Amino acid sequence: MPFFALLALSVGLMVVGYLMMPKQKTPEVQAQDFDAPGAKAHVPMVIVFGTKKVKSVNCLFVGEKSTLKRKV
């Protein structure tokens, strides 16, 4: 019998904790202008090695991410 009493007490405390939890405020999202990526054949593709922020994307294809080890 003490098991069920402890179980009921723990469930009750979890419900009280959930009800007392602060509510998250969601930020209001507004519509913005954005530059959609274009697929132009005459524009050279940007190939990034490392970490860099690319502002203009020319997306002609999506390739699989892979690494290649070369012998020096």
N, C-alpha and C. Protein backbone atom coordinates (compact mmCIF):
# COMPACT_ATOMS: atom_id res chain seq x y z
N MET A 1 0.80 -1.20 0.00
CA MET A 1 0.00 0.00 0.00
C MET A 1 0.84 1.27 0.00
N PRO A 2 2.01 1.28 0.70
CA PRO A 2 2.81 2.51 0.69
C PRO A 2 3.33 2.84 -0.72
N PHE A 3 3.49 1.82 -1.57
CA PHE A 3 3.96 2.06 -2.93
C PHE A 3 2.97 2.92 -3.69
N PHE A 4 1.68 2.59 -3.61
CA PHE A 4 0.67 3.34 -4.34
C PHE A 4 0.51 4.76 -3.79
N ALA A 5 0.69 4.92 -2.50
CA ALA A 5 0.61 6.26 -1.91
C ALA A 5 1.77 7.12 -2.41
N LEU A 6 2.98 6.56 -2.46
CA LEU A 6 4.13 7.30 -2.97
C LEU A 6 3.98 7.58 -4.46
N LEU A 7 3.41 6.64 -5.20
CA LEU A 7 3.18 6.85 -6.62
C LEU A 7 2.18 7.98 -6.85
N ALA A 8 1.10 8.00 -6.09
CA ALA A 8 0.11 9.06 -6.20
C ALA A 8 0.71 10.40 -5.80
N LEU A 9 1.53 10.43 -4.76
CA LEU A 9 2.18 11.66 -4.32
C LEU A 9 3.12 12.18 -5.41
N SER A 10 3.89 11.29 -6.03
CA SER A 10 4.83 11.74 -7.07
C SER A 10 4.09 12.25 -8.31
N VAL A 11 3.02 11.59 -8.69
CA VAL A 11 2.23 12.05 -9.84
C VAL A 11 1.60 13.41 -9.52
N GLY A 12 1.09 13.56 -8.31
CA GLY A 12 0.51 14.84 -7.91
C GLY A 12 1.53 15.95 -7.92
N LEU A 13 2.75 15.69 -7.44
CA LEU A 13 3.80 16.70 -7.46
C LEU A 13 4.23 17.05 -8.88
N MET A 14 4.24 16.07 -9.77
CA MET A 14 4.58 16.35 -11.17
C MET A 14 3.53 17.24 -11.82
N VAL A 15 2.25 17.01 -11.51
CA VAL A 15 1.18 17.84 -12.06
C VAL A 15 1.30 19.26 -11.54
N VAL A 16 1.56 19.42 -10.23
CA VAL A 16 1.73 20.75 -9.65
C VAL A 16 2.93 21.45 -10.27
N GLY A 17 4.03 20.75 -10.46
CA GLY A 17 5.22 21.32 -11.08
C GLY A 17 4.95 21.76 -12.52
N TYR A 18 4.15 20.97 -13.24
CA TYR A 18 3.81 21.33 -14.62
C TYR A 18 2.94 22.58 -14.65
N LEU A 19 2.01 22.68 -13.73
CA LEU A 19 1.12 23.84 -13.71
C LEU A 19 1.86 25.11 -13.28
N MET A 20 2.90 24.98 -12.47
CA MET A 20 3.65 26.15 -12.00
C MET A 20 4.77 26.55 -12.95
N MET A 21 5.01 25.75 -13.97
CA MET A 21 6.09 26.01 -14.91
C MET A 21 5.80 27.30 -15.68
N PRO A 22 6.83 28.18 -15.87
CA PRO A 22 6.59 29.42 -16.61
C PRO A 22 6.28 29.12 -18.07
N LYS A 23 5.35 29.87 -18.62
CA LYS A 23 4.95 29.69 -20.01
C LYS A 23 5.95 30.38 -20.93
N GLN A 24 6.26 29.76 -22.06
CA GLN A 24 7.19 30.35 -23.01
C GLN A 24 6.47 31.39 -23.85
N LYS A 25 7.13 32.51 -24.05
CA LYS A 25 6.58 33.56 -24.90
C LYS A 25 7.13 33.37 -26.31
N THR A 26 6.25 33.19 -27.27
CA THR A 26 6.68 33.02 -28.65
C THR A 26 6.81 34.39 -29.30
N PRO A 27 7.94 34.63 -29.98
CA PRO A 27 8.11 35.92 -30.65
C PRO A 27 7.18 36.03 -31.86
N GLU A 28 6.74 37.24 -32.12
CA GLU A 28 5.89 37.46 -33.29
C GLU A 28 6.77 37.49 -34.54
N VAL A 29 6.42 36.71 -35.51
CA VAL A 29 7.18 36.61 -36.76
C VAL A 29 6.49 37.46 -37.81
N GLN A 30 7.29 38.29 -38.48
CA GLN A 30 6.75 39.13 -39.54
C GLN A 30 7.33 38.69 -40.88
N ALA A 31 6.57 38.92 -41.92
CA ALA A 31 7.02 38.56 -43.26
C ALA A 31 8.17 39.48 -43.68
N GLN A 32 9.20 38.90 -44.29
CA GLN A 32 10.37 39.65 -44.73
C GLN A 32 10.67 39.30 -46.18
N ASP A 33 11.37 40.22 -46.83
CA ASP A 33 11.84 39.93 -48.18
C ASP A 33 13.05 39.00 -48.09
N PHE A 34 13.15 38.07 -49.00
CA PHE A 34 14.30 37.18 -49.03
C PHE A 34 14.71 36.95 -50.47
N ASP A 35 15.98 36.62 -50.62
CA ASP A 35 16.52 36.33 -51.94
C ASP A 35 16.50 34.82 -52.15
N ALA A 36 15.67 34.37 -53.04
CA ALA A 36 15.60 32.95 -53.33
C ALA A 36 16.81 32.54 -54.16
N PRO A 37 17.36 31.35 -53.92
CA PRO A 37 18.50 30.91 -54.72
C PRO A 37 18.07 30.66 -56.16
N GLY A 38 18.92 31.07 -57.09
CA GLY A 38 18.63 30.88 -58.50
C GLY A 38 19.52 29.81 -59.10
N ALA A 39 19.12 29.26 -60.19
CA ALA A 39 19.91 28.25 -60.88
C ALA A 39 20.27 28.80 -62.24
N LYS A 40 21.34 29.58 -62.31
CA LYS A 40 21.78 30.18 -63.56
C LYS A 40 23.05 29.48 -64.03
N ALA A 41 23.05 29.04 -65.25
CA ALA A 41 24.17 28.27 -65.76
C ALA A 41 25.40 29.14 -66.02
N HIS A 42 25.24 30.43 -66.28
CA HIS A 42 26.39 31.28 -66.60
C HIS A 42 27.08 31.86 -65.36
N VAL A 43 26.52 31.65 -64.18
CA VAL A 43 27.12 32.16 -62.94
C VAL A 43 27.96 31.04 -62.33
N PRO A 44 29.23 31.33 -61.98
CA PRO A 44 30.07 30.27 -61.41
C PRO A 44 29.56 29.82 -60.04
N MET A 45 29.73 28.54 -59.74
CA MET A 45 29.31 27.99 -58.44
C MET A 45 30.35 28.33 -57.39
N VAL A 46 29.89 28.55 -56.18
CA VAL A 46 30.76 28.82 -55.05
C VAL A 46 31.03 27.51 -54.34
N ILE A 47 32.31 27.15 -54.21
CA ILE A 47 32.70 25.96 -53.47
C ILE A 47 33.44 26.43 -52.23
N VAL A 48 32.92 26.11 -51.08
CA VAL A 48 33.46 26.60 -49.81
C VAL A 48 34.22 25.48 -49.13
N PHE A 49 35.44 25.77 -48.71
CA PHE A 49 36.22 24.86 -47.90
C PHE A 49 36.34 25.49 -46.53
N GLY A 50 35.82 24.84 -45.50
CA GLY A 50 35.85 25.42 -44.17
C GLY A 50 34.51 26.07 -43.85
N THR A 51 34.56 27.14 -43.07
CA THR A 51 33.34 27.84 -42.66
C THR A 51 33.33 29.22 -43.24
N LYS A 52 32.29 29.54 -43.99
CA LYS A 52 32.16 30.85 -44.62
C LYS A 52 30.69 31.12 -44.86
N LYS A 53 30.32 32.39 -44.76
CA LYS A 53 28.94 32.79 -45.03
C LYS A 53 28.82 33.17 -46.49
N VAL A 54 27.98 32.46 -47.23
CA VAL A 54 27.77 32.70 -48.64
C VAL A 54 26.46 33.46 -48.79
N LYS A 55 26.52 34.66 -49.38
CA LYS A 55 25.31 35.48 -49.51
C LYS A 55 24.56 35.19 -50.80
N SER A 56 25.25 34.89 -51.87
CA SER A 56 24.57 34.62 -53.13
C SER A 56 24.77 33.14 -53.47
N VAL A 57 23.69 32.45 -53.60
CA VAL A 57 23.75 31.01 -53.84
C VAL A 57 23.31 30.73 -55.27
N ASN A 58 24.12 29.96 -55.98
CA ASN A 58 23.74 29.49 -57.31
C ASN A 58 23.63 27.97 -57.20
N CYS A 59 22.44 27.49 -57.01
CA CYS A 59 22.21 26.09 -56.70
C CYS A 59 21.81 25.35 -57.97
N LEU A 60 22.78 24.77 -58.66
CA LEU A 60 22.50 24.01 -59.86
C LEU A 60 22.23 22.54 -59.55
N PHE A 61 22.82 22.04 -58.49
CA PHE A 61 22.60 20.65 -58.10
C PHE A 61 22.87 20.51 -56.61
N VAL A 62 22.41 19.40 -56.07
CA VAL A 62 22.68 19.07 -54.68
C VAL A 62 23.43 17.76 -54.69
N GLY A 63 24.68 17.81 -54.22
CA GLY A 63 25.50 16.62 -54.20
C GLY A 63 25.55 16.01 -52.82
N GLU A 64 26.05 14.79 -52.75
CA GLU A 64 26.17 14.12 -51.47
C GLU A 64 27.44 14.60 -50.76
N LYS A 65 27.36 14.80 -49.48
CA LYS A 65 28.51 15.23 -48.70
C LYS A 65 29.45 14.05 -48.53
N SER A 66 30.67 14.21 -48.92
CA SER A 66 31.63 13.12 -48.76
C SER A 66 33.02 13.70 -48.58
N THR A 67 33.90 12.92 -48.04
CA THR A 67 35.29 13.33 -47.87
C THR A 67 36.18 12.40 -48.67
N LEU A 68 37.32 12.93 -49.09
CA LEU A 68 38.26 12.16 -49.88
C LEU A 68 39.65 12.39 -49.32
N LYS A 69 40.32 11.31 -48.90
CA LYS A 69 41.67 11.44 -48.40
C LYS A 69 42.65 11.19 -49.53
N ARG A 70 43.58 12.10 -49.67
CA ARG A 70 44.57 11.97 -50.73
C ARG A 70 45.95 11.74 -50.13
N LYS A 71 46.73 10.99 -50.82
CA LYS A 71 48.10 10.72 -50.38
C LYS A 71 48.98 11.90 -50.80
N VAL A 72 49.84 12.32 -49.88
CA VAL A 72 50.71 13.47 -50.17
C VAL A 72 52.05 12.97 -50.64
